[in-house]
PDB file of N, CA and C in Angstrom:
ATOM      1  N   MET A   1       0.928  -1.087   0.224  1.00  0.00           N
ATOM      2  CA  MET A   1      -0.400  -0.290   0.377  1.00  0.00           C
ATOM      3  C   MET A   1       0.570   1.492   0.168  1.00  0.00           C
ATOM      4  N   LYS A   2       0.433   2.116  -0.711  1.00  0.00           N
ATOM      5  CA  LYS A   2       1.343   3.491  -0.857  1.00  0.00           C
ATOM      6  C   LYS A   2       1.360   4.386   0.428  1.00  0.00           C
ATOM      7  N   THR A   3       2.306   4.954   0.998  1.00  0.00           N
ATOM      8  CA  THR A   3       2.033   5.758   1.880  1.00  0.00           C
ATOM      9  C   THR A   3       1.018   6.476   1.668  1.00  0.00           C
ATOM     10  N   SER A   4       1.004   7.459   0.964  1.00  0.00           N
ATOM     11  CA  SER A   4      -0.240   8.708   0.849  1.00  0.00           C
ATOM     12  C   SER A   4      -1.589   8.003   1.252  1.00  0.00           C
ATOM     13  N   ILE A   5      -2.147   6.841   0.398  1.00  0.00           N
ATOM     14  CA  ILE A   5      -3.332   5.811   0.968  1.00  0.00           C
ATOM     15  C   ILE A   5      -3.684   5.854   2.232  1.00  0.00           C
ATOM     16  N   LYS A   6      -2.011   5.287   2.746  1.00  0.00           N
ATOM     17  CA  LYS A   6      -2.197   4.604   3.914  1.00  0.00           C
ATOM     18  C   LYS A   6      -2.436   6.102   4.930  1.00  0.00           C
ATOM     19  N   LYS A   7      -1.878   6.870   4.947  1.00  0.00           N
ATOM     20  CA  LYS A   7      -2.137   8.234   5.550  1.00  0.00           C
ATOM     21  C   LYS A   7      -3.789   8.251   5.592  1.00  0.00           C
ATOM     22  N   GLU A   8      -4.125   8.124   4.279  1.00  0.00           N
ATOM     23  CA  GLU A   8      -5.827   9.497   3.737  1.00  0.00           C
ATOM     24  C   GLU A   8      -6.577   8.086   4.520  1.00  0.00           C
ATOM     25  N   LEU A   9      -6.318   6.594   4.311  1.00  0.00           N
ATOM     26  CA  LEU A   9      -7.435   6.232   5.350  1.00  0.00           C
ATOM     27  C   LEU A   9      -7.455   5.802   7.059  1.00  0.00           C
ATOM     28  N   ALA A  10      -6.020   6.215   6.960  1.00  0.00           N
ATOM     29  CA  ALA A  10      -5.877   6.257   8.684  1.00  0.00           C
ATOM     30  C   ALA A  10      -6.348   7.686   9.285  1.00  0.00           C
ATOM     31  N   LYS A  11      -6.694   8.453   8.310  1.00  0.00           N
ATOM     32  CA  LYS A  11      -7.656  10.005   8.506  1.00  0.00           C
ATOM     33  C   LYS A  11      -8.841   9.785   8.707  1.00  0.00           C
ATOM     34  N   HIS A  12      -9.362   8.638   7.572  1.00  0.00           N
ATOM     35  CA  HIS A  12     -10.526   8.489   7.174  1.00  0.00           C
ATOM     36  C   HIS A  12     -11.015   7.859   8.512  1.00  0.00           C
ATOM     37  N   ILE A  13      -9.929   6.658   9.412  1.00  0.00           N
ATOM     38  CA  ILE A  13     -10.565   5.844  10.592  1.00  0.00           C
ATOM     39  C   ILE A  13      -9.873   6.943  11.802  1.00  0.00           C
ATOM     40  N   LEU A  14      -9.453   8.009  11.400  1.00  0.00           N
ATOM     41  CA  LEU A  14      -9.234   8.957  13.085  1.00  0.00           C
ATOM     42  C   LEU A  14     -10.876   9.695  13.076  1.00  0.00           C
ATOM     43  N   ASP A  15     -11.134   9.945  11.860  1.00  0.00           N
ATOM     44  CA  ASP A  15     -12.192  10.656  11.578  1.00  0.00           C
ATOM     45  C   ASP A  15     -13.503   9.889  12.214  1.00  0.00           C
ATOM     46  N   SER A  16     -13.689   8.214  11.917  1.00  0.00           N
ATOM     47  CA  SER A  16     -14.663   7.655  12.234  1.00  0.00           C
ATOM     48  C   SER A  16     -14.980   7.702  13.912  1.00  0.00           C
ATOM     49  N   ILE A  17     -13.791   7.982  14.108  1.00  0.00           N
ATOM     50  CA  ILE A  17     -13.357   7.555  15.728  1.00  0.00           C
ATOM     51  C   ILE A  17     -13.856   8.441  16.563  1.00  0.00           C
ATOM     52  N   SER A  18     -13.597  10.060  15.833  1.00  0.00           N
ATOM     53  CA  SER A  18     -13.647  11.422  16.469  1.00  0.00           C
ATOM     54  C   SER A  18     -15.191  11.623  16.142  1.00  0.00           C
ATOM     55  N   ASP A  19     -16.291  10.833  15.155  1.00  0.00           N
ATOM     56  CA  ASP A  19     -17.390  10.851  15.043  1.00  0.00           C
ATOM     57  C   ASP A  19     -18.013   9.978  15.746  1.00  0.00           C
ATOM     58  N   GLY A  20     -17.526   8.899  16.494  1.00  0.00           N
ATOM     59  CA  GLY A  20     -18.726   8.556  17.470  1.00  0.00           C
ATOM     60  C   GLY A  20     -18.878   7.121  16.340  1.00  0.00           C
ATOM     61  N   ILE A  21     -18.207   6.809  15.473  1.00  0.00           N
ATOM     62  CA  ILE A  21     -18.443   6.109  14.375  1.00  0.00           C
ATOM     63  C   ILE A  21     -18.358   4.631  15.130  1.00  0.00           C
ATOM     64  N   LEU A  22     -16.501   4.548  15.279  1.00  0.00           N
ATOM     65  CA  LEU A  22     -16.061   3.754  15.692  1.00  0.00           C
ATOM     66  C   LEU A  22     -15.904   3.195  17.358  1.00  0.00           C
ATOM     67  N   THR A  23     -16.533   2.523  17.793  1.00  0.00           N
ATOM     68  CA  THR A  23     -16.275   2.552  19.733  1.00  0.00           C
ATOM     69  C   THR A  23     -15.496   1.606  19.585  1.00  0.00           C
ATOM     70  N   ASN A  24     -15.468   1.078  21.276  1.00  0.00           N
ATOM     71  CA  ASN A  24     -15.030  -0.126  21.773  1.00  0.00           C
ATOM     72  C   ASN A  24     -16.251  -0.980  21.807  1.00  0.00           C
ATOM     73  N   GLU A  25     -16.980  -0.998  21.795  1.00  0.00           N
ATOM     74  CA  GLU A  25     -18.404  -2.185  21.513  1.00  0.00           C
ATOM     75  C   GLU A  25     -18.735  -2.048  20.539  1.00  0.00           C
ATOM     76  N   ASN A  26     -18.587  -1.907  19.485  1.00  0.00           N
ATOM     77  CA  ASN A  26     -18.334  -2.707  17.847  1.00  0.00           C
ATOM     78  C   ASN A  26     -16.926  -2.651  17.553  1.00  0.00           C
ATOM     79  N   ARG A  27     -16.592  -3.097  18.168  1.00  0.00           N
ATOM     80  CA  ARG A  27     -14.489  -3.239  17.763  1.00  0.00           C
ATOM     81  C   ARG A  27     -14.761  -4.651  16.521  1.00  0.00           C
ATOM     82  N   GLU A  28     -15.223  -5.164  16.937  1.00  0.00           N
ATOM     83  CA  GLU A  28     -15.759  -6.485  15.694  1.00  0.00           C
ATOM     84  C   GLU A  28     -16.323  -5.873  14.375  1.00  0.00           C
ATOM     85  N   ASP A  29     -16.649  -4.401  14.473  1.00  0.00           N
ATOM     86  CA  ASP A  29     -17.168  -4.218  12.921  1.00  0.00           C
ATOM     87  C   ASP A  29     -16.366  -2.948  12.863  1.00  0.00           C
ATOM     88  N   TRP A  30     -15.775  -2.933  13.134  1.00  0.00           N
ATOM     89  CA  TRP A  30     -15.415  -1.583  12.309  1.00  0.00           C
ATOM     90  C   TRP A  30     -14.788  -1.469  10.808  1.00  0.00           C
ATOM     91  N   HIS A  31     -14.053  -2.568  10.437  1.00  0.00           N
ATOM     92  CA  HIS A  31     -13.921  -2.390   9.220  1.00  0.00           C
ATOM     93  C   HIS A  31     -15.342  -2.153   8.323  1.00  0.00           C
ATOM     94  N   PHE A  32     -16.517  -2.467   8.611  1.00  0.00           N
ATOM     95  CA  PHE A  32     -17.743  -1.961   8.276  1.00  0.00           C
ATOM     96  C   PHE A  32     -18.231  -0.993   8.043  1.00  0.00           C
ATOM     97  N   TYR A  33     -18.005  -0.413   9.406  1.00  0.00           N
ATOM     98  CA  TYR A  33     -18.428   0.865   9.344  1.00  0.00           C
ATOM     99  C   TYR A  33     -17.366   2.254   8.899  1.00  0.00           C
ATOM    100  N   CYS A  34     -16.529   1.719   8.819  1.00  0.00           N
ATOM    101  CA  CYS A  34     -15.128   2.410   7.863  1.00  0.00           C
ATOM    102  C   CYS A  34     -15.336   2.308   6.347  1.00  0.00           C
ATOM    103  N   PHE A  35     -15.601   1.230   5.873  1.00  0.00           N
ATOM    104  CA  PHE A  35     -15.383   0.760   4.710  1.00  0.00           C
ATOM    105  C   PHE A  35     -16.033  -0.069   3.579  1.00  0.00           C
ATOM    106  N   ASN A  36     -17.166  -0.286   4.288  1.00  0.00           N
ATOM    107  CA  ASN A  36     -18.291  -1.119   3.446  1.00  0.00           C
ATOM    108  C   ASN A  36     -19.462  -0.580   3.690  1.00  0.00           C
ATOM    109  N   GLU A  37     -19.681   0.058   4.666  1.00  0.00           N
ATOM    110  CA  GLU A  37     -21.164   0.420   5.208  1.00  0.00           C
ATOM    111  C   GLU A  37     -22.190   1.709   3.990  1.00  0.00           C
ATOM    112  N   ASP A  38     -20.775   2.441   3.944  1.00  0.00           N
ATOM    113  CA  ASP A  38     -20.896   3.103   2.632  1.00  0.00           C
ATOM    114  C   ASP A  38     -20.102   3.525   1.572  1.00  0.00           C
ATOM    115  N   SER A  39     -19.962   3.690   0.431  1.00  0.00           N
ATOM    116  CA  SER A  39     -18.819   4.213  -0.727  1.00  0.00           C
ATOM    117  C   SER A  39     -18.093   5.050  -0.054  1.00  0.00           C
ATOM    118  N   TYR A  40     -16.613   5.296  -0.377  1.00  0.00           N
ATOM    119  CA  TYR A  40     -15.491   5.390   0.756  1.00  0.00           C
ATOM    120  C   TYR A  40     -15.170   6.696  -0.628  1.00  0.00           C
ATOM    121  N   ILE A  41     -15.130   6.423  -1.931  1.00  0.00           N
ATOM    122  CA  ILE A  41     -15.892   7.499  -3.177  1.00  0.00           C
ATOM    123  C   ILE A  41     -16.950   7.668  -3.614  1.00  0.00           C
ATOM    124  N   ILE A  42     -17.351   8.830  -3.830  1.00  0.00           N
ATOM    125  CA  ILE A  42     -18.867   8.341  -5.292  1.00  0.00           C
ATOM    126  C   ILE A  42     -18.767   9.396  -6.374  1.00  0.00           C
ATOM    127  N   GLY A  43     -18.852   8.884  -7.455  1.00  0.00           N
ATOM    128  CA  GLY A  43     -18.680   9.357  -8.941  1.00  0.00           C
ATOM    129  C   GLY A  43     -17.365   9.064  -9.559  1.00  0.00           C
ATOM    130  N   TYR A  44     -17.497   8.622 -10.516  1.00  0.00           N
ATOM    131  CA  TYR A  44     -16.409   8.317 -11.351  1.00  0.00           C
ATOM    132  C   TYR A  44     -15.293   9.074 -11.952  1.00  0.00           C
ATOM    133  N   TYR A  45     -15.519  10.496 -11.790  1.00  0.00           N
ATOM    134  CA  TYR A  45     -14.556  11.379 -11.657  1.00  0.00           C
ATOM    135  C   TYR A  45     -13.688  11.424 -10.682  1.00  0.00           C
ATOM    136  N   ASN A  46     -14.591  11.666  -9.493  1.00  0.00           N
ATOM    137  CA  ASN A  46     -13.978  11.446  -8.060  1.00  0.00           C
ATOM    138  C   ASN A  46     -12.689  10.541  -8.265  1.00  0.00           C
ATOM    139  N   ALA A  47     -13.340   9.383  -8.543  1.00  0.00           N
ATOM    140  CA  ALA A  47     -12.692   7.653  -8.269  1.00  0.00           C
ATOM    141  C   ALA A  47     -11.071   8.356  -8.910  1.00  0.00           C
ATOM    142  N   SER A  48     -11.433   8.573 -10.453  1.00  0.00           N
ATOM    143  CA  SER A  48     -10.094   8.882 -11.580  1.00  0.00           C
ATOM    144  C   SER A  48      -8.977   9.977 -10.948  1.00  0.00           C
ATOM    145  N   GLN A  49      -9.798  10.794  -9.928  1.00  0.00           N
ATOM    146  CA  GLN A  49      -8.932  11.759  -9.966  1.00  0.00           C
ATOM    147  C   GLN A  49      -7.647  11.065  -8.616  1.00  0.00           C
ATOM    148  N   TRP A  50      -8.910  10.506  -8.273  1.00  0.00           N
ATOM    149  CA  TRP A  50      -8.411   9.703  -6.525  1.00  0.00           C
ATOM    150  C   TRP A  50      -6.959   8.757  -7.016  1.00  0.00           C
ATOM    151  N   LEU A  51      -7.557   7.787  -8.329  1.00  0.00           N
ATOM    152  CA  LEU A  51      -6.611   7.001  -8.743  1.00  0.00           C
ATOM    153  C   LEU A  51      -5.169   7.992  -8.970  1.00  0.00           C
ATOM    154  N   LYS A  52      -5.782   9.434  -9.762  1.00  0.00           N
ATOM    155  CA  LYS A  52      -4.387   9.525 -10.388  1.00  0.00           C
ATOM    156  C   LYS A  52      -3.816  10.720  -9.086  1.00  0.00           C
ATOM    157  N   LYS A  53      -3.987  11.215  -8.192  1.00  0.00           N
ATOM    158  CA  LYS A  53      -3.497  11.448  -7.130  1.00  0.00           C
ATOM    159  C   LYS A  53      -2.484  10.492  -6.621  1.00  0.00           C
ATOM    160  N   HIS A  54      -3.071   9.380  -6.485  1.00  0.00           N
ATOM    161  CA  HIS A  54      -2.053   8.295  -5.630  1.00  0.00           C
ATOM    162  C   HIS A  54      -1.158   7.242  -6.325  1.00  0.00           C
ATOM    163  N   ASP A  55      -1.342   7.759  -7.457  1.00  0.00           N
ATOM    164  CA  ASP A  55      -0.396   7.710  -8.712  1.00  0.00           C
ATOM    165  C   ASP A  55      -0.332   5.625  -9.130  1.00  0.00           C
ATOM    166  N   ILE A  56      -1.976   5.450  -9.219  1.00  0.00           N
ATOM    167  CA  ILE A  56      -2.233   4.387  -9.436  1.00  0.00           C
ATOM    168  C   ILE A  56      -2.651   4.170 -10.725  1.00  0.00           C
ATOM    169  N   LYS A  57      -2.051   3.227 -11.373  1.00  0.00           N
ATOM    170  CA  LYS A  57      -2.930   2.863 -12.841  1.00  0.00           C
ATOM    171  C   LYS A  57      -4.481   1.935 -12.886  1.00  0.00           C
ATOM    172  N   ARG A  58      -5.276   2.390 -13.701  1.00  0.00           N
ATOM    173  CA  ARG A  58      -6.381   1.689 -13.580  1.00  0.00           C
ATOM    174  C   ARG A  58      -6.312  -0.224 -13.645  1.00  0.00           C
ATOM    175  N   PRO A  59      -5.141  -0.188 -14.233  1.00  0.00           N
ATOM    176  CA  PRO A  59      -5.079  -1.967 -14.306  1.00  0.00           C
ATOM    177  C   PRO A  59      -4.676  -2.571 -13.170  1.00  0.00           C
ATOM    178  N   GLU A  60      -3.369  -1.824 -12.642  1.00  0.00           N
ATOM    179  CA  GLU A  60      -2.616  -2.030 -11.889  1.00  0.00           C
ATOM    180  C   GLU A  60      -4.013  -2.244 -10.306  1.00  0.00           C
ATOM    181  N   ALA A  61      -4.663  -1.375 -10.000  1.00  0.00           N
ATOM    182  CA  ALA A  61      -6.150  -0.727  -8.808  1.00  0.00           C
ATOM    183  C   ALA A  61      -6.951  -2.478  -9.348  1.00  0.00           C
ATOM    184  N   ILE A  62      -7.181  -2.572 -10.760  1.00  0.00           N
ATOM    185  CA  ILE A  62      -8.113  -3.553 -11.049  1.00  0.00           C
ATOM    186  C   ILE A  62      -7.602  -5.062 -10.943  1.00  0.00           C
ATOM    187  N   PHE A  63      -6.379  -5.205 -10.884  1.00  0.00           N
ATOM    188  CA  PHE A  63      -5.569  -6.763 -10.435  1.00  0.00           C
ATOM    189  C   PHE A  63      -5.101  -6.995  -9.410  1.00  0.00           C
ATOM    190  N   ILE A  64      -5.380  -5.411  -8.242  1.00  0.00           N
ATOM    191  CA  ILE A  64      -5.285  -5.920  -6.423  1.00  0.00           C
ATOM    192  C   ILE A  64      -6.818  -6.488  -6.207  1.00  0.00           C
ATOM    193  N   CYS A  65      -7.536  -5.513  -6.675  1.00  0.00           N
ATOM    194  CA  CYS A  65      -8.786  -6.293  -6.226  1.00  0.00           C
ATOM    195  C   CYS A  65      -9.355  -7.671  -6.858  1.00  0.00           C
ATOM    196  N   LYS A  66      -8.774  -7.672  -7.950  1.00  0.00           N
ATOM    197  CA  LYS A  66      -9.317  -9.094  -8.195  1.00  0.00           C
ATOM    198  C   LYS A  66      -8.577 -10.371  -7.840  1.00  0.00           C
ATOM    199  N   GLN A  67      -7.321  -9.912  -7.505  1.00  0.00           N
ATOM    200  CA  GLN A  67      -6.630 -10.775  -6.927  1.00  0.00           C
ATOM    201  C   GLN A  67      -6.904 -11.093  -5.177  1.00  0.00           C
ATOM    202  N   TYR A  68      -6.947  -9.988  -4.953  1.00  0.00           N
ATOM    203  CA  TYR A  68      -7.734  -9.890  -3.556  1.00  0.00           C
ATOM    204  C   TYR A  68      -9.327 -11.009  -3.544  1.00  0.00           C
ATOM    205  N   GLU A  69     -10.263 -10.875  -4.100  1.00  0.00           N
ATOM    206  CA  GLU A  69     -11.258 -11.368  -3.985  1.00  0.00           C
ATOM    207  C   GLU A  69     -11.021 -13.521  -5.399  1.00  0.00           C
ATOM    208  N   ILE A  70      -9.643 -12.934  -5.721  1.00  0.00           N
ATOM    209  CA  ILE A  70      -9.500 -14.735  -5.403  1.00  0.00           C
ATOM    210  C   ILE A  70      -9.260 -15.032  -4.337  1.00  0.00           C
ATOM    211  N   ASP A  71      -8.406 -14.720  -3.869  1.00  0.00           N
ATOM    212  CA  ASP A  71      -7.461 -15.154  -2.582  1.00  0.00           C
ATOM    213  C   ASP A  71      -8.579 -15.011  -1.631  1.00  0.00           C
ATOM    214  N   ASN A  72      -9.483 -14.124  -1.510  1.00  0.00           N
ATOM    215  CA  ASN A  72     -10.072 -14.498  -0.493  1.00  0.00           C
ATOM    216  C   ASN A  72     -11.576 -15.257  -0.303  1.00  0.00           C
ATOM    217  N   PHE A  73     -12.737 -15.255  -1.813  1.00  0.00           N
ATOM    218  CA  PHE A  73     -13.677 -15.750  -2.595  1.00  0.00           C
ATOM    219  C   PHE A  73     -13.743 -16.757  -2.780  1.00  0.00           C
ATOM    220  N   GLY A  74     -12.587 -17.247  -3.787  1.00  0.00           N
ATOM    221  CA  GLY A  74     -12.520 -17.991  -4.735  1.00  0.00           C
ATOM    222  C   GLY A  74     -12.896 -17.349  -5.859  1.00  0.00           C
ATOM    223  N   GLU A  75     -13.494 -15.765  -6.387  1.00  0.00           N
ATOM    224  CA  GLU A  75     -13.982 -15.530  -7.618  1.00  0.00           C
ATOM    225  C   GLU A  75     -13.688 -14.201  -7.478  1.00  0.00           C
ATOM    226  N   SER A  76     -14.022 -13.417  -8.879  1.00  0.00           N
ATOM    227  CA  SER A  76     -13.854 -12.328  -8.789  1.00  0.00           C
ATOM    228  C   SER A  76     -15.029 -11.320  -9.824  1.00  0.00           C
ATOM    229  N   LYS A  77     -15.486 -10.691  -9.043  1.00  0.00           N
ATOM    230  CA  LYS A  77     -16.481  -9.785 -10.100  1.00  0.00           C
ATOM    231  C   LYS A  77     -15.748  -8.606 -11.202  1.00  0.00           C
ATOM    232  N   ILE A  78     -16.239  -8.657 -12.089  1.00  0.00           N
ATOM    233  CA  ILE A  78     -16.191  -7.215 -12.838  1.00  0.00           C
ATOM    234  C   ILE A  78     -15.611  -6.032 -12.246  1.00  0.00           C
ATOM    235  N   TYR A  79     -14.800  -5.627 -12.855  1.00  0.00           N
ATOM    236  CA  TYR A  79     -14.719  -3.831 -12.158  1.00  0.00           C
ATOM    237  C   TYR A  79     -15.000  -3.247 -13.813  1.00  0.00           C
ATOM    238  N   ASP A  80     -15.965  -2.935 -14.040  1.00  0.00           N
ATOM    239  CA  ASP A  80     -16.248  -1.571 -15.292  1.00  0.00           C
ATOM    240  C   ASP A  80     -15.842  -0.488 -15.329  1.00  0.00           C
ATOM    241  N   ASN A  81     -15.692   0.339 -13.964  1.00  0.00           N
ATOM    242  CA  ASN A  81     -15.389   1.400 -13.681  1.00  0.00           C
ATOM    243  C   ASN A  81     -14.390   1.825 -12.706  1.00  0.00           C
ATOM    244  N   SER A  82     -13.861   3.299 -12.105  1.00  0.00           N
ATOM    245  CA  SER A  82     -13.301   3.115 -11.650  1.00  0.00           C
ATOM    246  C   SER A  82     -13.939   3.646  -9.833  1.00  0.00           C
ATOM    247  N   GLU A  83     -15.223   4.297 -10.128  1.00  0.00           N
ATOM    248  CA  GLU A  83     -15.602   4.463  -8.351  1.00  0.00           C
ATOM    249  C   GLU A  83     -15.416   2.445  -8.024  1.00  0.00           C
ATOM    250  N   SER A  84     -15.852   1.769  -8.453  1.00  0.00           N
ATOM    251  CA  SER A  84     -16.304   0.436  -7.895  1.00  0.00           C
ATOM    252  C   SER A  84     -14.607  -0.092  -7.540  1.00  0.00           C
ATOM    253  N   VAL A  85     -13.701   0.625  -8.167  1.00  0.00           N
ATOM    254  CA  VAL A  85     -12.492  -0.017  -7.671  1.00  0.00           C
ATOM    255  C   VAL A  85     -11.618   0.569  -6.949  1.00  0.00           C
ATOM    256  N   VAL A  86     -12.378   1.948  -6.774  1.00  0.00           N
ATOM    257  CA  VAL A  86     -11.378   2.822  -5.938  1.00  0.00           C
ATOM    258  C   VAL A  86     -12.412   2.200  -4.722  1.00  0.00           C
ATOM    259  N   ASN A  87     -13.706   2.052  -4.273  1.00  0.00           N
ATOM    260  CA  ASN A  87     -13.742   1.640  -3.506  1.00  0.00           C
ATOM    261  C   ASN A  87     -13.701   0.442  -2.733  1.00  0.00           C
ATOM    262  N   MET A  88     -13.198  -0.701  -3.593  1.00  0.00           N
ATOM    263  CA  MET A  88     -12.143  -2.107  -3.067  1.00  0.00           C
ATOM    264  C   MET A  88     -11.197  -1.731  -2.668  1.00  0.00           C
ATOM    265  N   LEU A  89     -10.293  -0.873  -3.630  1.00  0.00           N
ATOM    266  CA  LEU A  89      -8.965  -0.818  -3.072  1.00  0.00           C
ATOM    267  C   LEU A  89      -9.318  -0.164  -1.723  1.00  0.00           C
ATOM    268  N   ALA A  90     -10.408   0.840  -1.417  1.00  0.00           N
ATOM    269  CA  ALA A  90     -10.395   1.252   0.144  1.00  0.00           C
ATOM    270  C   ALA A  90     -10.435   0.294   0.963  1.00  0.00           C
ATOM    271  N   TYR A  91     -11.615  -0.890   0.407  1.00  0.00           N
ATOM    272  CA  TYR A  91     -12.133  -1.625   0.951  1.00  0.00           C
ATOM    273  C   TYR A  91     -10.832  -2.535   1.667  1.00  0.00           C
ATOM    274  N   ILE A  92      -9.907  -3.476   0.723  1.00  0.00           N
ATOM    275  CA  ILE A  92      -8.899  -4.011   1.406  1.00  0.00           C
ATOM    276  C   ILE A  92      -8.125  -3.376   2.137  1.00  0.00           C
ATOM    277  N   TYR A  93      -7.501  -2.142   1.673  1.00  0.00           N
ATOM    278  CA  TYR A  93      -6.524  -1.658   2.504  1.00  0.00           C
ATOM    279  C   TYR A  93      -7.310  -1.082   3.865  1.00  0.00           C
ATOM    280  N   GLY A  94      -8.058  -0.817   3.967  1.00  0.00           N
ATOM    281  CA  GLY A  94      -9.034  -0.248   5.233  1.00  0.00           C
ATOM    282  C   GLY A  94      -8.748  -1.460   5.909  1.00  0.00           C
ATOM    283  N   ASP A  95      -8.906  -2.657   5.575  1.00  0.00           N
ATOM    284  CA  ASP A  95      -8.925  -3.935   6.245  1.00  0.00           C
ATOM    285  C   ASP A  95      -7.540  -4.427   6.704  1.00  0.00           C
ATOM    286  N   GLU A  96      -7.003  -4.364   5.814  1.00  0.00           N
ATOM    287  CA  GLU A  96      -5.536  -4.250   6.573  1.00  0.00           C
ATOM    288  C   GLU A  96      -4.724  -3.051   7.583  1.00  0.00           C
ATOM    289  N   LEU A  97      -5.360  -1.914   7.457  1.00  0.00           N
ATOM    290  CA  LEU A  97      -4.748  -1.374   8.027  1.00  0.00           C
ATOM    291  C   LEU A  97      -5.744  -1.564   9.833  1.00  0.00           C
ATOM    292  N   ILE A  98      -6.945  -1.884   9.635  1.00  0.00           N
ATOM    293  CA  ILE A  98      -7.383  -2.197  10.928  1.00  0.00           C
ATOM    294  C   ILE A  98      -7.258  -3.385  11.927  1.00  0.00           C
ATOM    295  N   TYR A  99      -6.937  -4.414  10.968  1.00  0.00           N
ATOM    296  CA  TYR A  99      -6.697  -5.586  11.553  1.00  0.00           C
ATOM    297  C   TYR A  99      -5.193  -6.016  11.267  1.00  0.00           C
ATOM    298  N   SER A 100      -4.656  -5.306  10.873  1.00  0.00           N
ATOM    299  CA  SER A 100      -2.962  -5.663  10.886  1.00  0.00           C
ATOM    300  C   SER A 100      -2.575  -6.183  11.997  1.00  0.00           C
ATOM    301  N   GLU A 101      -3.290  -5.390  13.284  1.00  0.00           N
ATOM    302  CA  GLU A 101      -2.643  -5.595  14.399  1.00  0.00           C
ATOM    303  C   GLU A 101      -4.084  -6.064  15.139  1.00  0.00           C
ATOM    304  N   ASN A 102      -3.892  -6.672  16.371  1.00  0.00           N
ATOM    305  CA  ASN A 102      -5.141  -7.152  16.759  1.00  0.00           C
ATOM    306  C   ASN A 102      -5.234  -5.887  18.161  1.00  0.00           C
ATOM    307  N   PHE A 103      -5.745  -4.888  18.014  1.00  0.00           N
ATOM    308  CA  PHE A 103      -5.998  -3.655  18.382  1.00  0.00           C
ATOM    309  C   PHE A 103      -7.465  -4.021  19.506  1.00  0.00           C
ATOM    310  N   LYS A 104      -6.924  -3.733  20.777  1.00  0.00           N
ATOM    311  CA  LYS A 104      -7.793  -4.405  21.894  1.00  0.00           C
ATOM    312  C   LYS A 104      -8.747  -3.193  21.976  1.00  0.00           C
ATOM    313  N   SER A 105      -8.560  -1.988  21.906  1.00  0.00           N
ATOM    314  CA  SER A 105      -9.608  -0.792  22.516  1.00  0.00           C
ATOM    315  C   SER A 105      -9.440  -0.073  21.004  1.00  0.00           C
ATOM    316  N   ILE A 106     -10.251   1.435  21.495  1.00  0.00           N
ATOM    317  CA  ILE A 106     -10.078   2.105  20.112  1.00  0.00           C
ATOM    318  C   ILE A 106      -9.156   2.997  20.618  1.00  0.00           C
ATOM    319  N   ASN A 107      -8.396   3.146  21.910  1.00  0.00           N
ATOM    320  CA  ASN A 107      -7.424   3.785  21.901  1.00  0.00           C
ATOM    321  C   ASN A 107      -6.384   3.507  21.384  1.00  0.00           C
ATOM    322  N   GLU A 108      -5.700   2.359  21.248  1.00  0.00           N
ATOM    323  CA  GLU A 108      -5.290   1.736  20.039  1.00  0.00           C
ATOM    324  C   GLU A 108      -4.941   1.551  18.775  1.00  0.00           C
ATOM    325  N   LEU A 109      -6.128   1.501  18.351  1.00  0.00           N
ATOM    326  CA  LEU A 109      -6.586   2.163  17.271  1.00  0.00           C
ATOM    327  C   LEU A 109      -6.124   3.514  16.587  1.00  0.00           C
ATOM    328  N   LYS A 110      -7.141   4.418  17.632  1.00  0.00           N
ATOM    329  CA  LYS A 110      -6.560   5.999  17.567  1.00  0.00           C
ATOM    330  C   LYS A 110      -5.141   6.212  17.744  1.00  0.00           C
ATOM    331  N   LYS A 111      -4.349   5.296  18.778  1.00  0.00           N
ATOM    332  CA  LYS A 111      -2.717   5.362  18.474  1.00  0.00           C
ATOM    333  C   LYS A 111      -2.057   5.221  17.468  1.00  0.00           C
ATOM    334  N   ALA A 112      -2.292   3.977  17.113  1.00  0.00           N
ATOM    335  CA  ALA A 112      -1.432   3.888  15.945  1.00  0.00           C
ATOM    336  C   ALA A 112      -1.867   4.118  14.532  1.00  0.00           C
ATOM    337  N   MET A 113      -3.176   5.060  14.888  1.00  0.00           N
ATOM    338  CA  MET A 113      -3.729   5.682  12.975  1.00  0.00           C
ATOM    339  C   MET A 113      -2.710   7.143  13.363  1.00  0.00           C
ATOM    340  N   LYS A 114      -2.644   7.832  14.379  1.00  0.00           N
ATOM    341  CA  LYS A 114      -2.010   8.868  14.490  1.00  0.00           C
ATOM    342  C   LYS A 114      -0.539   8.502  14.131  1.00  0.00           C
ATOM    343  N   GLN A 115       0.150   7.819  14.601  1.00  0.00           N
ATOM    344  CA  GLN A 115       1.909   7.251  14.291  1.00  0.00           C
ATOM    345  C   GLN A 115       1.698   6.892  12.924  1.00  0.00           C
ATOM    346  N   ILE A 116       0.361   6.361  12.144  1.00  0.00           N
ATOM    347  CA  ILE A 116       1.178   6.346  10.409  1.00  0.00           C
ATOM    348  C   ILE A 116       0.918   8.080  10.402  1.00  0.00           C
ATOM    349  N   LEU A 117      -0.328   8.648  10.510  1.00  0.00           N
ATOM    350  CA  LEU A 117      -0.234  10.243  10.106  1.00  0.00           C
ATOM    351  C   LEU A 117       1.216  10.989  10.595  1.00  0.00           C
ATOM    352  N   ASN A 118       1.771  10.502  11.537  1.00  0.00           N
ATOM    353  CA  ASN A 118       2.991  11.508  12.027  1.00  0.00           C
ATOM    354  C   ASN A 118       4.370  10.872  11.347  1.00  0.00           C
ATOM    355  N   ASN A 119       4.405   9.576  10.965  1.00  0.00           N
ATOM    356  CA  ASN A 119       5.296   8.676  10.171  1.00  0.00           C
ATOM    357  C   ASN A 119       5.679  10.136   8.511  1.00  0.00           C
TER     358      ASN A 119
END
């Protein structure tokens, strides 16, 4: 995962904590509330700009999404627009950030995300 994406998603997680969306009580659903309940990016143009901002070519992004789905679900869907690609990337990378360590509390998650932002 590129550093620019890691920092952006860490900020998104921190915003979700600040907004009271992520709590100790819903620890098992942190990823769902951050990256699955709503779209991370809305609109094809915004998604295309997001890919450019992070210097990711669409075919590379599609490959990452397809490989993740095959590895985890045994099959992959068709990614025919930038919006679905970016939202799946956010889902994949968000999963990696939230579950890279076994955070026991919201404070541990918050501290780790702040550390990412400060590096």
